[in-house]
Amino acid sequence: MNDEVPHLLTTREVTELLRVPISTLNRWRRDGEGKGPIGFRVGKGIRYPADGVIAWLAEKESAERAKDGRS
């Protein structure tokens, strides 16, 4: 088991990284099932594990490449 504490990103940090509006990230989270990176509530805010955001982004890129036939 990994004893390291994950680096958590705020909603704003994720939207800046992905260059999408906050409303888009909120909609992805609300709609669920892979539409956006997994986030969870910590106190009053939503936090996203940085490694999860990067993995989600890599998965999206891989799917686009496969769709375009560019593995």
Protein backbone atom coordinates (compact mmCIF):
# COMPACT_ATOMS: atom_id res chain seq x y z
CA MET A 1 0.00 0.00 0.00
CA ASN A 2 1.22 3.49 -0.83
CA ASP A 3 1.73 5.53 2.34
CA GLU A 4 2.12 8.81 0.48
CA VAL A 5 -0.60 11.42 0.84
CA PRO A 6 -2.03 12.25 -2.60
CA HIS A 7 -1.67 15.78 -3.91
CA LEU A 8 -5.19 17.20 -4.09
CA LEU A 9 -6.25 19.86 -6.58
CA THR A 10 -9.06 22.35 -6.12
CA THR A 11 -11.82 22.79 -8.67
CA ARG A 12 -10.17 25.99 -9.88
CA GLU A 13 -6.79 24.28 -10.31
CA VAL A 14 -8.36 21.48 -12.36
CA THR A 15 -10.27 23.91 -14.57
CA GLU A 16 -7.07 25.88 -15.18
CA LEU A 17 -5.18 22.68 -16.02
CA LEU A 18 -7.89 21.46 -18.42
CA ARG A 19 -8.80 24.96 -19.62
CA VAL A 20 -12.52 24.42 -19.18
CA PRO A 21 -15.06 26.55 -17.31
CA ILE A 22 -15.91 25.64 -13.72
CA SER A 23 -19.49 24.97 -14.83
CA THR A 24 -18.22 22.30 -17.25
CA LEU A 25 -16.21 20.51 -14.55
CA ASN A 26 -19.20 20.71 -12.19
CA ARG A 27 -21.47 19.25 -14.88
CA TRP A 28 -19.03 16.41 -15.57
CA ARG A 29 -18.93 15.61 -11.85
CA ARG A 30 -22.72 15.80 -11.51
CA ASP A 31 -23.34 13.59 -14.58
CA GLY A 32 -20.74 11.04 -13.38
CA GLU A 33 -19.61 7.84 -15.06
CA GLY A 34 -16.32 8.93 -16.59
CA LYS A 35 -17.39 12.28 -17.97
CA GLY A 36 -14.70 13.98 -15.92
CA PRO A 37 -11.98 13.26 -13.39
CA ILE A 38 -13.11 11.81 -10.07
CA GLY A 39 -13.49 14.35 -7.31
CA PHE A 40 -14.81 14.15 -3.78
CA ARG A 41 -15.99 16.50 -1.10
CA VAL A 42 -13.54 17.64 1.57
CA GLY A 43 -15.32 20.01 3.91
CA LYS A 44 -17.14 22.55 1.75
CA GLY A 45 -15.00 22.07 -1.36
CA ILE A 46 -14.38 19.41 -3.97
CA ARG A 47 -10.88 17.99 -4.31
CA TYR A 48 -9.38 16.01 -7.15
CA PRO A 49 -6.36 13.72 -6.69
CA ALA A 50 -3.72 15.05 -9.11
CA ASP A 51 -2.69 11.58 -10.26
CA GLY A 52 -6.36 10.79 -10.99
CA VAL A 53 -6.75 13.92 -13.12
CA ILE A 54 -3.59 13.07 -15.09
CA ALA A 55 -4.76 9.44 -15.55
CA TRP A 56 -8.20 10.63 -16.73
CA LEU A 57 -6.57 13.01 -19.19
CA ALA A 58 -4.27 10.26 -20.54
CA GLU A 59 -7.27 7.97 -20.93
CA LYS A 60 -9.14 10.64 -22.90
CA GLU A 61 -6.11 11.21 -25.14
CA SER A 62 -5.72 7.48 -25.73
CA ALA A 63 -9.40 7.13 -26.64
CA GLU A 64 -9.17 10.03 -29.11
CA ARG A 65 -6.07 8.55 -30.74
CA ALA A 66 -7.78 5.16 -31.06
CA LYS A 67 -10.89 6.80 -32.51
CA ASP A 68 -8.75 8.64 -35.07
CA GLY A 69 -6.67 5.52 -35.79
CA ARG A 70 -3.49 7.07 -34.38
CA SER A 71 -2.47 4.64 -31.63
